[in-house]
Amino acid sequence: MTKIVSDLPVSEQAAGLLVDMLLRLDDKLCRSGVDDSDGTVGGFIEEVVMMLKKYAELDPSCKKAFYKLENRETCFGWEEPLVRPNKFQE
């Protein structure tokens, strides 16, 4: 994961920025024909999702940033761990 993303503070605002970035990446992968045959972008998305889950554990207000993912399907289903009910009580 890039240093810039890793250095973001745990906050609702940072979580929102990361969710927006993931949605833009997903759009590029699915609709613009970006080649991710080596899995670099997909791996990055997975790492950011794991980071967002950790954000929500550290600061529950970060979950508010996940609302924009509700009732939305991404190409690879990466949003599921962030919107699944009771995920953060497991």
PDB file of N, CA and C in Angstrom:
ATOM      1  N   MET A   1       0.847  -1.160   0.000  1.00  0.00           N
ATOM      2  CA  MET A   1       0.000   0.000   0.000  1.00  0.00           C
ATOM      3  C   MET A   1       0.897   1.229   0.000  1.00  0.00           C
ATOM      4  N   THR A   2       0.459   2.244  -0.691  1.00  0.00           N
ATOM      5  CA  THR A   2       1.299   3.424  -0.765  1.00  0.00           C
ATOM      6  C   THR A   2       1.398   4.125   0.585  1.00  0.00           C
ATOM      7  N   LYS A   3       2.486   4.798   0.791  1.00  0.00           N
ATOM      8  CA  LYS A   3       2.738   5.494   2.055  1.00  0.00           C
ATOM      9  C   LYS A   3       1.679   6.553   2.317  1.00  0.00           C
ATOM     10  N   ILE A   4       1.233   7.246   1.284  1.00  0.00           N
ATOM     11  CA  ILE A   4       0.237   8.308   1.462  1.00  0.00           C
ATOM     12  C   ILE A   4      -1.040   7.749   2.078  1.00  0.00           C
ATOM     13  N   VAL A   5      -1.511   6.632   1.566  1.00  0.00           N
ATOM     14  CA  VAL A   5      -2.729   6.027   2.091  1.00  0.00           C
ATOM     15  C   VAL A   5      -2.492   5.510   3.509  1.00  0.00           C
ATOM     16  N   SER A   6      -1.364   4.888   3.736  1.00  0.00           N
ATOM     17  CA  SER A   6      -1.053   4.342   5.058  1.00  0.00           C
ATOM     18  C   SER A   6      -0.918   5.416   6.120  1.00  0.00           C
ATOM     19  N   ASP A   7      -0.515   6.611   5.734  1.00  0.00           N
ATOM     20  CA  ASP A   7      -0.290   7.687   6.698  1.00  0.00           C
ATOM     21  C   ASP A   7      -1.533   8.520   7.006  1.00  0.00           C
ATOM     22  N   LEU A   8      -2.651   8.216   6.381  1.00  0.00           N
ATOM     23  CA  LEU A   8      -3.867   8.978   6.673  1.00  0.00           C
ATOM     24  C   LEU A   8      -4.291   8.739   8.115  1.00  0.00           C
ATOM     25  N   PRO A   9      -4.822   9.755   8.775  1.00  0.00           N
ATOM     26  CA  PRO A   9      -5.287   9.568  10.153  1.00  0.00           C
ATOM     27  C   PRO A   9      -6.593   8.773  10.160  1.00  0.00           C
ATOM     28  N   VAL A  10      -6.829   8.065  11.234  1.00  0.00           N
ATOM     29  CA  VAL A  10      -8.085   7.334  11.382  1.00  0.00           C
ATOM     30  C   VAL A  10      -9.168   8.359  11.690  1.00  0.00           C
ATOM     31  N   SER A  11     -10.067   8.552  10.730  1.00  0.00           N
ATOM     32  CA  SER A  11     -11.155   9.510  10.909  1.00  0.00           C
ATOM     33  C   SER A  11     -12.248   9.220   9.892  1.00  0.00           C
ATOM     34  N   GLU A  12     -13.421   9.746  10.169  1.00  0.00           N
ATOM     35  CA  GLU A  12     -14.541   9.590   9.237  1.00  0.00           C
ATOM     36  C   GLU A  12     -14.210  10.239   7.889  1.00  0.00           C
ATOM     37  N   GLN A  13     -13.545  11.379   7.918  1.00  0.00           N
ATOM     38  CA  GLN A  13     -13.189  12.082   6.681  1.00  0.00           C
ATOM     39  C   GLN A  13     -12.211  11.247   5.845  1.00  0.00           C
ATOM     40  N   ALA A  14     -11.196  10.683   6.470  1.00  0.00           N
ATOM     41  CA  ALA A  14     -10.235   9.854   5.742  1.00  0.00           C
ATOM     42  C   ALA A  14     -10.921   8.609   5.194  1.00  0.00           C
ATOM     43  N   ALA A  15     -11.803   8.015   5.975  1.00  0.00           N
ATOM     44  CA  ALA A  15     -12.539   6.839   5.505  1.00  0.00           C
ATOM     45  C   ALA A  15     -13.370   7.202   4.278  1.00  0.00           C
ATOM     46  N   GLY A  16     -13.995   8.359   4.304  1.00  0.00           N
ATOM     47  CA  GLY A  16     -14.781   8.812   3.155  1.00  0.00           C
ATOM     48  C   GLY A  16     -13.927   8.988   1.906  1.00  0.00           C
ATOM     49  N   LEU A  17     -12.752   9.565   2.076  1.00  0.00           N
ATOM     50  CA  LEU A  17     -11.839   9.735   0.934  1.00  0.00           C
ATOM     51  C   LEU A  17     -11.429   8.378   0.353  1.00  0.00           C
ATOM     52  N   LEU A  18     -11.152   7.423   1.232  1.00  0.00           N
ATOM     53  CA  LEU A  18     -10.737   6.097   0.771  1.00  0.00           C
ATOM     54  C   LEU A  18     -11.870   5.374   0.062  1.00  0.00           C
ATOM     55  N   VAL A  19     -13.088   5.486   0.578  1.00  0.00           N
ATOM     56  CA  VAL A  19     -14.240   4.862  -0.083  1.00  0.00           C
ATOM     57  C   VAL A  19     -14.437   5.480  -1.467  1.00  0.00           C
ATOM     58  N   ASP A  20     -14.357   6.799  -1.561  1.00  0.00           N
ATOM     59  CA  ASP A  20     -14.493   7.463  -2.869  1.00  0.00           C
ATOM     60  C   ASP A  20     -13.411   7.003  -3.840  1.00  0.00           C
ATOM     61  N   MET A  21     -12.190   6.864  -3.341  1.00  0.00           N
ATOM     62  CA  MET A  21     -11.091   6.404  -4.188  1.00  0.00           C
ATOM     63  C   MET A  21     -11.359   4.978  -4.686  1.00  0.00           C
ATOM     64  N   LEU A  22     -11.842   4.116  -3.797  1.00  0.00           N
ATOM     65  CA  LEU A  22     -12.137   2.736  -4.196  1.00  0.00           C
ATOM     66  C   LEU A  22     -13.240   2.687  -5.250  1.00  0.00           C
ATOM     67  N   LEU A  23     -14.244   3.520  -5.094  1.00  0.00           N
ATOM     68  CA  LEU A  23     -15.325   3.554  -6.086  1.00  0.00           C
ATOM     69  C   LEU A  23     -14.819   4.019  -7.442  1.00  0.00           C
ATOM     70  N   ARG A  24     -13.925   4.994  -7.442  1.00  0.00           N
ATOM     71  CA  ARG A  24     -13.352   5.463  -8.718  1.00  0.00           C
ATOM     72  C   ARG A  24     -12.482   4.375  -9.343  1.00  0.00           C
ATOM     73  N   LEU A  25     -11.680   3.698  -8.534  1.00  0.00           N
ATOM     74  CA  LEU A  25     -10.855   2.599  -9.061  1.00  0.00           C
ATOM     75  C   LEU A  25     -11.726   1.490  -9.627  1.00  0.00           C
ATOM     76  N   ASP A  26     -12.778   1.157  -8.918  1.00  0.00           N
ATOM     77  CA  ASP A  26     -13.695   0.112  -9.372  1.00  0.00           C
ATOM     78  C   ASP A  26     -14.309   0.492 -10.725  1.00  0.00           C
ATOM     79  N   ASP A  27     -14.702   1.760 -10.845  1.00  0.00           N
ATOM     80  CA  ASP A  27     -15.279   2.235 -12.095  1.00  0.00           C
ATOM     81  C   ASP A  27     -14.271   2.124 -13.239  1.00  0.00           C
ATOM     82  N   LYS A  28     -13.040   2.506 -12.973  1.00  0.00           N
ATOM     83  CA  LYS A  28     -11.992   2.427 -14.006  1.00  0.00           C
ATOM     84  C   LYS A  28     -11.751   0.973 -14.426  1.00  0.00           C
ATOM     85  N   LEU A  29     -11.705   0.086 -13.455  1.00  0.00           N
ATOM     86  CA  LEU A  29     -11.448  -1.326 -13.762  1.00  0.00           C
ATOM     87  C   LEU A  29     -12.578  -1.945 -14.572  1.00  0.00           C
ATOM     88  N   CYS A  30     -13.806  -1.604 -14.212  1.00  0.00           N
ATOM     89  CA  CYS A  30     -14.959  -2.270 -14.811  1.00  0.00           C
ATOM     90  C   CYS A  30     -15.445  -1.640 -16.108  1.00  0.00           C
ATOM     91  N   ARG A  31     -15.271  -0.357 -16.249  1.00  0.00           N
ATOM     92  CA  ARG A  31     -15.872   0.325 -17.391  1.00  0.00           C
ATOM     93  C   ARG A  31     -14.866   0.915 -18.368  1.00  0.00           C
ATOM     94  N   SER A  32     -13.652   1.106 -17.933  1.00  0.00           N
ATOM     95  CA  SER A  32     -12.680   1.771 -18.795  1.00  0.00           C
ATOM     96  C   SER A  32     -11.675   0.814 -19.415  1.00  0.00           C
ATOM     97  N   GLY A  33     -11.791  -0.446 -19.087  1.00  0.00           N
ATOM     98  CA  GLY A  33     -10.889  -1.413 -19.677  1.00  0.00           C
ATOM     99  C   GLY A  33      -9.469  -1.360 -19.142  1.00  0.00           C
ATOM    100  N   VAL A  34      -9.286  -0.886 -17.911  1.00  0.00           N
ATOM    101  CA  VAL A  34      -7.963  -0.879 -17.304  1.00  0.00           C
ATOM    102  C   VAL A  34      -7.531  -2.324 -17.088  1.00  0.00           C
ATOM    103  N   ASP A  35      -6.337  -2.642 -17.471  1.00  0.00           N
ATOM    104  CA  ASP A  35      -5.813  -4.001 -17.346  1.00  0.00           C
ATOM    105  C   ASP A  35      -5.241  -4.214 -15.945  1.00  0.00           C
ATOM    106  N   ASP A  36      -5.822  -5.161 -15.230  1.00  0.00           N
ATOM    107  CA  ASP A  36      -5.311  -5.522 -13.911  1.00  0.00           C
ATOM    108  C   ASP A  36      -5.010  -7.014 -13.880  1.00  0.00           C
ATOM    109  N   SER A  37      -4.510  -7.512 -14.989  1.00  0.00           N
ATOM    110  CA  SER A  37      -4.252  -8.948 -15.086  1.00  0.00           C
ATOM    111  C   SER A  37      -3.193  -9.421 -14.094  1.00  0.00           C
ATOM    112  N   ASP A  38      -2.348  -8.508 -13.628  1.00  0.00           N
ATOM    113  CA  ASP A  38      -1.338  -8.907 -12.639  1.00  0.00           C
ATOM    114  C   ASP A  38      -1.856  -8.755 -11.213  1.00  0.00           C
ATOM    115  N   GLY A  39      -3.071  -8.221 -11.032  1.00  0.00           N
ATOM    116  CA  GLY A  39      -3.694  -8.129  -9.721  1.00  0.00           C
ATOM    117  C   GLY A  39      -3.218  -6.998  -8.841  1.00  0.00           C
ATOM    118  N   THR A  40      -2.445  -6.088  -9.386  1.00  0.00           N
ATOM    119  CA  THR A  40      -1.912  -4.992  -8.578  1.00  0.00           C
ATOM    120  C   THR A  40      -3.024  -4.114  -8.018  1.00  0.00           C
ATOM    121  N   VAL A  41      -3.934  -3.685  -8.870  1.00  0.00           N
ATOM    122  CA  VAL A  41      -5.006  -2.785  -8.417  1.00  0.00           C
ATOM    123  C   VAL A  41      -5.961  -3.544  -7.499  1.00  0.00           C
ATOM    124  N   GLY A  42      -6.305  -4.770  -7.864  1.00  0.00           N
ATOM    125  CA  GLY A  42      -7.184  -5.574  -7.017  1.00  0.00           C
ATOM    126  C   GLY A  42      -6.586  -5.814  -5.647  1.00  0.00           C
ATOM    127  N   GLY A  43      -5.300  -6.068  -5.604  1.00  0.00           N
ATOM    128  CA  GLY A  43      -4.621  -6.254  -4.326  1.00  0.00           C
ATOM    129  C   GLY A  43      -4.635  -4.985  -3.487  1.00  0.00           C
ATOM    130  N   PHE A  44      -4.441  -3.856  -4.154  1.00  0.00           N
ATOM    131  CA  PHE A  44      -4.488  -2.567  -3.468  1.00  0.00           C
ATOM    132  C   PHE A  44      -5.878  -2.338  -2.876  1.00  0.00           C
ATOM    133  N   ILE A  45      -6.921  -2.627  -3.658  1.00  0.00           N
ATOM    134  CA  ILE A  45      -8.296  -2.463  -3.181  1.00  0.00           C
ATOM    135  C   ILE A  45      -8.531  -3.332  -1.947  1.00  0.00           C
ATOM    136  N   GLU A  46      -8.090  -4.567  -1.990  1.00  0.00           N
ATOM    137  CA  GLU A  46      -8.255  -5.468  -0.844  1.00  0.00           C
ATOM    138  C   GLU A  46      -7.548  -4.916   0.396  1.00  0.00           C
ATOM    139  N   GLU A  47      -6.348  -4.391   0.225  1.00  0.00           N
ATOM    140  CA  GLU A  47      -5.604  -3.827   1.357  1.00  0.00           C
ATOM    141  C   GLU A  47      -6.324  -2.616   1.956  1.00  0.00           C
ATOM    142  N   VAL A  48      -6.878  -1.771   1.093  1.00  0.00           N
ATOM    143  CA  VAL A  48      -7.587  -0.589   1.581  1.00  0.00           C
ATOM    144  C   VAL A  48      -8.861  -1.007   2.318  1.00  0.00           C
ATOM    145  N   VAL A  49      -9.562  -2.015   1.814  1.00  0.00           N
ATOM    146  CA  VAL A  49     -10.760  -2.510   2.502  1.00  0.00           C
ATOM    147  C   VAL A  49     -10.388  -3.026   3.890  1.00  0.00           C
ATOM    148  N   MET A  50      -9.296  -3.772   3.997  1.00  0.00           N
ATOM    149  CA  MET A  50      -8.844  -4.254   5.306  1.00  0.00           C
ATOM    150  C   MET A  50      -8.513  -3.080   6.228  1.00  0.00           C
ATOM    151  N   MET A  51      -7.904  -2.051   5.666  1.00  0.00           N
ATOM    152  CA  MET A  51      -7.565  -0.868   6.444  1.00  0.00           C
ATOM    153  C   MET A  51      -8.839  -0.160   6.916  1.00  0.00           C
ATOM    154  N   LEU A  52      -9.847  -0.070   6.046  1.00  0.00           N
ATOM    155  CA  LEU A  52     -11.107   0.566   6.421  1.00  0.00           C
ATOM    156  C   LEU A  52     -11.822  -0.217   7.525  1.00  0.00           C
ATOM    157  N   LYS A  53     -11.743  -1.524   7.484  1.00  0.00           N
ATOM    158  CA  LYS A  53     -12.328  -2.332   8.555  1.00  0.00           C
ATOM    159  C   LYS A  53     -11.643  -2.020   9.878  1.00  0.00           C
ATOM    160  N   LYS A  54     -10.340  -1.863   9.842  1.00  0.00           N
ATOM    161  CA  LYS A  54      -9.579  -1.518  11.046  1.00  0.00           C
ATOM    162  C   LYS A  54      -9.951  -0.109  11.526  1.00  0.00           C
ATOM    163  N   TYR A  55     -10.117   0.824  10.585  1.00  0.00           N
ATOM    164  CA  TYR A  55     -10.555   2.178  10.938  1.00  0.00           C
ATOM    165  C   TYR A  55     -11.850   2.104  11.754  1.00  0.00           C
ATOM    166  N   ALA A  56     -12.812   1.310  11.264  1.00  0.00           N
ATOM    167  CA  ALA A  56     -14.117   1.216  11.920  1.00  0.00           C
ATOM    168  C   ALA A  56     -14.003   0.609  13.316  1.00  0.00           C
ATOM    169  N   GLU A  57     -13.041  -0.269  13.502  1.00  0.00           N
ATOM    170  CA  GLU A  57     -12.819  -0.828  14.839  1.00  0.00           C
ATOM    171  C   GLU A  57     -12.247   0.228  15.777  1.00  0.00           C
ATOM    172  N   LEU A  58     -11.341   1.035  15.265  1.00  0.00           N
ATOM    173  CA  LEU A  58     -10.682   2.059  16.080  1.00  0.00           C
ATOM    174  C   LEU A  58     -11.571   3.273  16.334  1.00  0.00           C
ATOM    175  N   ASP A  59     -12.377   3.624  15.347  1.00  0.00           N
ATOM    176  CA  ASP A  59     -13.258   4.792  15.452  1.00  0.00           C
ATOM    177  C   ASP A  59     -14.578   4.460  14.757  1.00  0.00           C
ATOM    178  N   PRO A  60     -15.602   4.050  15.512  1.00  0.00           N
ATOM    179  CA  PRO A  60     -16.879   3.644  14.918  1.00  0.00           C
ATOM    180  C   PRO A  60     -17.532   4.697  14.020  1.00  0.00           C
ATOM    181  N   SER A  61     -17.203   5.975  14.184  1.00  0.00           N
ATOM    182  CA  SER A  61     -17.784   7.000  13.311  1.00  0.00           C
ATOM    183  C   SER A  61     -17.353   6.815  11.860  1.00  0.00           C
ATOM    184  N   CYS A  62     -16.275   6.078  11.635  1.00  0.00           N
ATOM    185  CA  CYS A  62     -15.808   5.818  10.263  1.00  0.00           C
ATOM    186  C   CYS A  62     -16.819   5.000   9.468  1.00  0.00           C
ATOM    187  N   LYS A  63     -17.661   4.252  10.174  1.00  0.00           N
ATOM    188  CA  LYS A  63     -18.670   3.439   9.482  1.00  0.00           C
ATOM    189  C   LYS A  63     -19.627   4.294   8.666  1.00  0.00           C
ATOM    190  N   LYS A  64     -19.790   5.563   9.055  1.00  0.00           N
ATOM    191  CA  LYS A  64     -20.677   6.460   8.311  1.00  0.00           C
ATOM    192  C   LYS A  64     -20.232   6.587   6.865  1.00  0.00           C
ATOM    193  N   ALA A  65     -18.942   6.491   6.616  1.00  0.00           N
ATOM    194  CA  ALA A  65     -18.415   6.599   5.252  1.00  0.00           C
ATOM    195  C   ALA A  65     -18.830   5.408   4.396  1.00  0.00           C
ATOM    196  N   PHE A  66     -19.235   4.314   5.035  1.00  0.00           N
ATOM    197  CA  PHE A  66     -19.604   3.113   4.299  1.00  0.00           C
ATOM    198  C   PHE A  66     -21.040   3.163   3.788  1.00  0.00           C
ATOM    199  N   TYR A  67     -21.838   4.121   4.271  1.00  0.00           N
ATOM    200  CA  TYR A  67     -23.235   4.198   3.855  1.00  0.00           C
ATOM    201  C   TYR A  67     -23.387   4.343   2.351  1.00  0.00           C
ATOM    202  N   LYS A  68     -22.453   5.025   1.712  1.00  0.00           N
ATOM    203  CA  LYS A  68     -22.567   5.220   0.262  1.00  0.00           C
ATOM    204  C   LYS A  68     -22.362   3.916  -0.510  1.00  0.00           C
ATOM    205  N   LEU A  69     -21.932   2.864   0.187  1.00  0.00           N
ATOM    206  CA  LEU A  69     -21.746   1.561  -0.442  1.00  0.00           C
ATOM    207  C   LEU A  69     -22.994   0.682  -0.348  1.00  0.00           C
ATOM    208  N   GLU A  70     -23.950   1.077   0.501  1.00  0.00           N
ATOM    209  CA  GLU A  70     -25.157   0.283   0.656  1.00  0.00           C
ATOM    210  C   GLU A  70     -25.948   0.266  -0.651  1.00  0.00           C
ATOM    211  N   ASN A  71     -26.492  -0.892  -0.965  1.00  0.00           N
ATOM    212  CA  ASN A  71     -27.287  -1.095  -2.193  1.00  0.00           C
ATOM    213  C   ASN A  71     -26.505  -0.777  -3.453  1.00  0.00           C
ATOM    214  N   ARG A  72     -25.216  -0.953  -3.382  1.00  0.00           N
ATOM    215  CA  ARG A  72     -24.350  -0.704  -4.533  1.00  0.00           C
ATOM    216  C   ARG A  72     -23.505  -1.943  -4.768  1.00  0.00           C
ATOM    217  N   GLU A  73     -23.460  -2.373  -6.002  1.00  0.00           N
ATOM    218  CA  GLU A  73     -22.640  -3.529  -6.341  1.00  0.00           C
ATOM    219  C   GLU A  73     -21.396  -3.072  -7.081  1.00  0.00           C
ATOM    220  N   THR A  74     -20.266  -3.556  -6.624  1.00  0.00           N
ATOM    221  CA  THR A  74     -19.025  -3.270  -7.327  1.00  0.00           C
ATOM    222  C   THR A  74     -18.707  -4.474  -8.199  1.00  0.00           C
ATOM    223  N   CYS A  75     -17.769  -4.315  -9.076  1.00  0.00           N
ATOM    224  CA  CYS A  75     -17.439  -5.392 -10.009  1.00  0.00           C
ATOM    225  C   CYS A  75     -16.885  -6.638  -9.321  1.00  0.00           C
ATOM    226  N   PHE A  76     -16.181  -6.450  -8.229  1.00  0.00           N
ATOM    227  CA  PHE A  76     -15.537  -7.589  -7.591  1.00  0.00           C
ATOM    228  C   PHE A  76     -16.059  -7.877  -6.188  1.00  0.00           C
ATOM    229  N   GLY A  77     -17.102  -7.157  -5.763  1.00  0.00           N
ATOM    230  CA  GLY A  77     -17.719  -7.412  -4.469  1.00  0.00           C
ATOM    231  C   GLY A  77     -16.900  -6.989  -3.267  1.00  0.00           C
ATOM    232  N   TRP A  78     -15.944  -6.116  -3.466  1.00  0.00           N
ATOM    233  CA  TRP A  78     -15.086  -5.691  -2.356  1.00  0.00           C
ATOM    234  C   TRP A  78     -15.847  -4.928  -1.283  1.00  0.00           C
ATOM    235  N   GLU A  79     -17.029  -4.412  -1.618  1.00  0.00           N
ATOM    236  CA  GLU A  79     -17.793  -3.619  -0.652  1.00  0.00           C
ATOM    237  C   GLU A  79     -18.452  -4.468   0.432  1.00  0.00           C
ATOM    238  N   GLU A  80     -18.632  -5.753   0.174  1.00  0.00           N
ATOM    239  CA  GLU A  80     -19.352  -6.629   1.100  1.00  0.00           C
ATOM    240  C   GLU A  80     -18.839  -6.592   2.537  1.00  0.00           C
ATOM    241  N   PRO A  81     -17.557  -6.700   2.792  1.00  0.00           N
ATOM    242  CA  PRO A  81     -17.104  -6.679   4.192  1.00  0.00           C
ATOM    243  C   PRO A  81     -17.391  -5.362   4.907  1.00  0.00           C
ATOM    244  N   LEU A  82     -17.650  -4.312   4.144  1.00  0.00           N
ATOM    245  CA  LEU A  82     -17.883  -3.000   4.755  1.00  0.00           C
ATOM    246  C   LEU A  82     -19.357  -2.719   4.997  1.00  0.00           C
ATOM    247  N   VAL A  83     -20.245  -3.401   4.278  1.00  0.00           N
ATOM    248  CA  VAL A  83     -21.681  -3.110   4.421  1.00  0.00           C
ATOM    249  C   VAL A  83     -22.465  -4.257   5.044  1.00  0.00           C
ATOM    250  N   ARG A  84     -21.859  -5.403   5.196  1.00  0.00           N
ATOM    251  CA  ARG A  84     -22.561  -6.554   5.765  1.00  0.00           C
ATOM    252  C   ARG A  84     -22.966  -6.224   7.201  1.00  0.00           C
ATOM    253  N   PRO A  85     -24.234  -6.436   7.551  1.00  0.00           N
ATOM    254  CA  PRO A  85     -24.707  -6.107   8.905  1.00  0.00           C
ATOM    255  C   PRO A  85     -23.926  -6.853   9.977  1.00  0.00           C
ATOM    256  N   ASN A  86     -23.685  -6.182  11.082  1.00  0.00           N
ATOM    257  CA  ASN A  86     -23.003  -6.742  12.254  1.00  0.00           C
ATOM    258  C   ASN A  86     -21.564  -7.169  11.971  1.00  0.00           C
ATOM    259  N   LYS A  87     -20.995  -6.763  10.893  1.00  0.00           N
ATOM    260  CA  LYS A  87     -19.637  -7.171  10.547  1.00  0.00           C
ATOM    261  C   LYS A  87     -18.649  -6.806  11.644  1.00  0.00           C
ATOM    262  N   PHE A  88     -18.837  -5.676  12.260  1.00  0.00           N
ATOM    263  CA  PHE A  88     -17.838  -5.196  13.207  1.00  0.00           C
ATOM    264  C   PHE A  88     -18.085  -5.687  14.627  1.00  0.00           C
ATOM    265  N   GLN A  89     -19.067  -6.560  14.788  1.00  0.00           N
ATOM    266  CA  GLN A  89     -19.301  -7.167  16.092  1.00  0.00           C
ATOM    267  C   GLN A  89     -18.784  -8.587  16.132  1.00  0.00           C
ATOM    268  N   GLU A  90     -18.207  -9.060  15.046  1.00  0.00           N
ATOM    269  CA  GLU A  90     -17.671 -10.413  14.982  1.00  0.00           C
ATOM    270  C   GLU A  90     -16.372 -10.508  15.753  1.00  0.00           C
TER     271      GLU A  90
END
